[in-house]
Protein backbone atom coordinates (compact mmCIF):
# COMPACT_ATOMS: atom_id res chain seq x y z
CA MET A 1 40.53 65.48 -10.50
CA ASN A 2 41.75 67.28 -7.19
CA TYR A 3 45.05 68.80 -6.73
CA LYS A 4 46.19 65.77 -4.75
CA GLU A 5 45.70 63.61 -7.66
CA ARG A 6 46.90 65.86 -10.11
CA ARG A 7 50.01 66.33 -8.27
CA GLN A 8 50.56 62.65 -8.07
CA LEU A 9 50.02 62.46 -11.79
CA ILE A 10 52.73 65.07 -12.28
CA TYR A 11 54.92 63.18 -10.24
CA GLU A 12 54.43 60.05 -12.08
CA LEU A 13 54.64 61.87 -15.49
CA ILE A 14 58.40 63.77 -14.64
CA GLN A 15 59.46 60.13 -13.62
CA THR A 16 58.66 58.41 -17.11
CA ASN A 17 59.04 61.32 -19.16
CA LYS A 18 61.58 63.91 -19.98
CA ILE A 19 59.34 67.04 -19.92
CA GLU A 20 61.30 70.37 -20.94
CA THR A 21 58.32 72.85 -20.64
CA GLN A 22 55.29 73.46 -18.72
CA GLU A 23 53.47 73.50 -21.86
CA GLN A 24 54.32 69.76 -22.36
CA LEU A 25 53.35 68.77 -19.01
CA LEU A 26 50.18 70.42 -19.54
CA LEU A 27 49.66 68.69 -22.64
CA LEU A 28 50.60 65.28 -20.91
CA LEU A 29 48.12 66.25 -18.13
CA GLN A 30 45.55 66.89 -20.45
CA SER A 31 45.94 63.62 -22.14
CA HIS A 32 45.36 61.77 -18.72
CA GLY A 33 42.00 64.07 -18.38
CA ALA A 34 43.49 66.40 -16.05
CA ASN A 35 42.66 70.04 -16.89
CA ALA A 36 44.75 72.77 -15.37
CA THR A 37 46.25 76.32 -15.96
CA GLN A 38 49.92 76.98 -16.45
CA ALA A 39 49.60 79.30 -13.20
CA THR A 40 48.11 75.93 -11.31
CA ILE A 41 51.02 73.92 -12.75
CA SER A 42 53.73 76.31 -11.77
CA ARG A 43 52.54 76.13 -7.87
CA ASP A 44 52.39 72.22 -8.22
CA ILE A 45 55.91 72.37 -9.73
CA HIS A 46 56.76 74.30 -6.71
CA ALA A 47 54.89 72.33 -4.13
CA LEU A 48 56.28 69.17 -5.44
CA HIS A 49 59.90 70.72 -5.19
CA ILE A 50 60.39 69.67 -9.11
CA SER A 51 63.44 71.63 -10.58
CA LYS A 52 65.02 71.16 -13.97
CA VAL A 53 68.28 69.80 -14.68
CA PRO A 54 70.06 69.34 -17.87
CA ASP A 55 71.05 65.83 -19.49
CA ASP A 56 73.97 65.08 -21.41
CA ASP A 57 72.64 66.81 -24.39
CA GLY A 58 72.44 69.97 -22.58
CA ARG A 59 68.55 70.11 -22.75
CA SER A 60 66.83 70.74 -19.31
CA TYR A 61 63.80 68.78 -18.11
CA TYR A 62 62.01 68.32 -14.86
CA VAL A 63 63.02 66.04 -11.97
CA LYS A 64 61.72 65.51 -8.34
CA ALA A 65 64.67 67.26 -6.47
CA PRO A 66 66.19 65.46 -3.76
CA SER A 67 65.31 66.66 -0.42
CA ALA A 68 64.91 65.71 3.16
CA ALA A 69 61.53 65.28 4.74
CA VAL A 70 59.80 68.77 4.27
CA ASN A 71 57.76 69.84 7.33
CA ARG A 72 54.85 71.32 5.49
CA GLU A 73 53.33 73.44 8.47
CA ARG A 74 56.48 74.82 9.30
CA GLN A 75 57.36 75.96 5.82
CA LEU A 76 53.69 77.44 5.60
CA LYS A 77 54.59 79.09 8.97
CA ASP A 78 57.88 80.76 7.65
CA ALA A 79 56.21 81.97 4.37
CA ILE A 80 53.24 83.65 6.54
CA ARG A 81 55.75 85.19 8.74
CA GLU A 82 58.15 86.63 6.23
CA ARG A 83 55.58 87.52 3.11
CA VAL A 84 52.18 88.08 4.73
CA ALA A 85 51.13 91.87 5.24
CA THR A 86 47.69 91.44 6.39
CA VAL A 87 45.00 88.71 7.22
CA THR A 88 41.24 89.34 7.09
CA ALA A 89 38.55 87.11 7.96
CA VAL A 90 35.34 87.71 5.91
CA GLN A 91 32.39 85.32 6.64
CA PHE A 92 33.71 81.68 5.68
CA THR A 93 36.94 82.92 3.90
CA VAL A 94 40.03 84.66 4.75
CA VAL A 95 41.84 87.30 2.48
CA ILE A 96 45.72 87.40 2.56
CA GLN A 97 47.35 90.11 1.39
CA THR A 98 51.30 89.64 0.85
CA SER A 99 54.06 92.30 1.90
CA MET A 100 55.21 94.86 -0.66
CA LYS A 101 53.24 93.82 -3.38
CA LEU A 102 55.18 90.63 -3.97
CA THR A 103 53.90 87.78 -6.53
CA TYR A 104 53.98 85.32 -3.61
CA ALA A 105 50.22 84.70 -3.30
CA PRO A 106 50.10 81.65 -5.85
CA ILE A 107 52.89 80.21 -3.96
CA LEU A 108 51.38 80.70 -0.31
CA ALA A 109 48.32 79.00 -1.86
CA GLY A 110 50.28 75.94 -2.88
CA LEU A 111 51.74 75.94 0.90
CA ILE A 112 48.41 76.28 2.37
CA ASP A 113 46.74 73.80 -0.02
CA ASP A 114 49.60 71.31 0.83
CA ILE A 115 49.01 71.18 4.69
CA ASP A 116 46.61 68.95 6.48
CA ASN A 117 43.63 70.99 7.49
CA ASP A 118 40.17 69.78 6.75
CA ASP A 119 38.69 73.15 7.41
CA VAL A 120 40.39 74.27 3.95
CA VAL A 121 38.05 73.83 1.30
CA GLY A 122 40.20 75.71 -1.37
CA THR A 123 42.41 78.56 -2.45
CA ILE A 124 42.26 81.15 -5.31
CA ALA A 125 45.26 83.41 -5.60
CA GLY A 126 46.14 86.62 -7.80
CA THR A 127 49.60 87.99 -7.80
CA ASP A 128 49.59 89.63 -4.04
CA THR A 129 46.13 88.51 -2.50
CA LEU A 130 44.98 85.01 -1.74
CA LEU A 131 41.48 83.90 -0.80
CA VAL A 132 41.26 80.86 1.73
CA ILE A 133 37.62 79.37 1.41
CA LEU A 134 37.08 77.55 4.78
CA LYS A 135 34.12 75.39 5.67
CA ASP A 136 32.48 77.94 7.54
CA ALA A 137 32.71 81.16 9.75
CA GLU A 138 34.16 79.69 12.77
CA ALA A 139 36.69 77.92 10.63
CA ALA A 140 37.63 81.07 9.07
CA ALA A 141 38.18 82.95 12.09
CA SER A 142 40.50 80.17 13.38
CA PHE A 143 42.47 80.25 10.46
CA ALA A 144 42.71 84.06 10.28
CA ASP A 145 43.77 84.47 14.37
CA TRP A 146 46.24 81.39 13.66
CA ALA A 147 47.82 83.42 10.78
CA GLN A 148 47.49 86.69 12.12
CA ALA A 149 49.72 85.36 15.23
CA ILE A 150 52.32 84.28 12.91
CA VAL A 151 52.46 87.46 11.23
CA LYS A 152 52.97 89.23 14.64
CA GLU A 153 55.81 86.84 15.32
CA ARG A 154 58.08 88.77 12.48
CA LYS A 155 60.90 90.60 14.10
CA ILE A 156 61.17 94.35 12.80
CA TYR A 157 64.95 95.41 12.53
């Protein structure tokens, strides 16, 4: 199951179940044949704009947050501008390091996964470093140039 299918399943599960924890969500996903880690689920929850709300009994559960249409590319550009320190192309990959050792790489990976870029094969995120895997070296160089240009837009006060 790819990430788009998993995210669709997560959306459907929170619509039909009162899910209180990420552990419950993981178990439901597994029962539907989707294997994922807690970190992946956390990133999916962020990308889907899912939040917790209390019910009448005071218990909190996940729901899809109401929102206006989100421009994913603009959201990604803002994140790169505000949170990325370095961008380096290495063969068919791009290594992105976030500013000041922030634990933002998994969130940034989710944003990259959500944009419509056929050259992006996938992402792998640690705490403050992200690896973007692209189809070839040319695509990696182009992606790195694009991200570096956005980082340079950052205003220094």
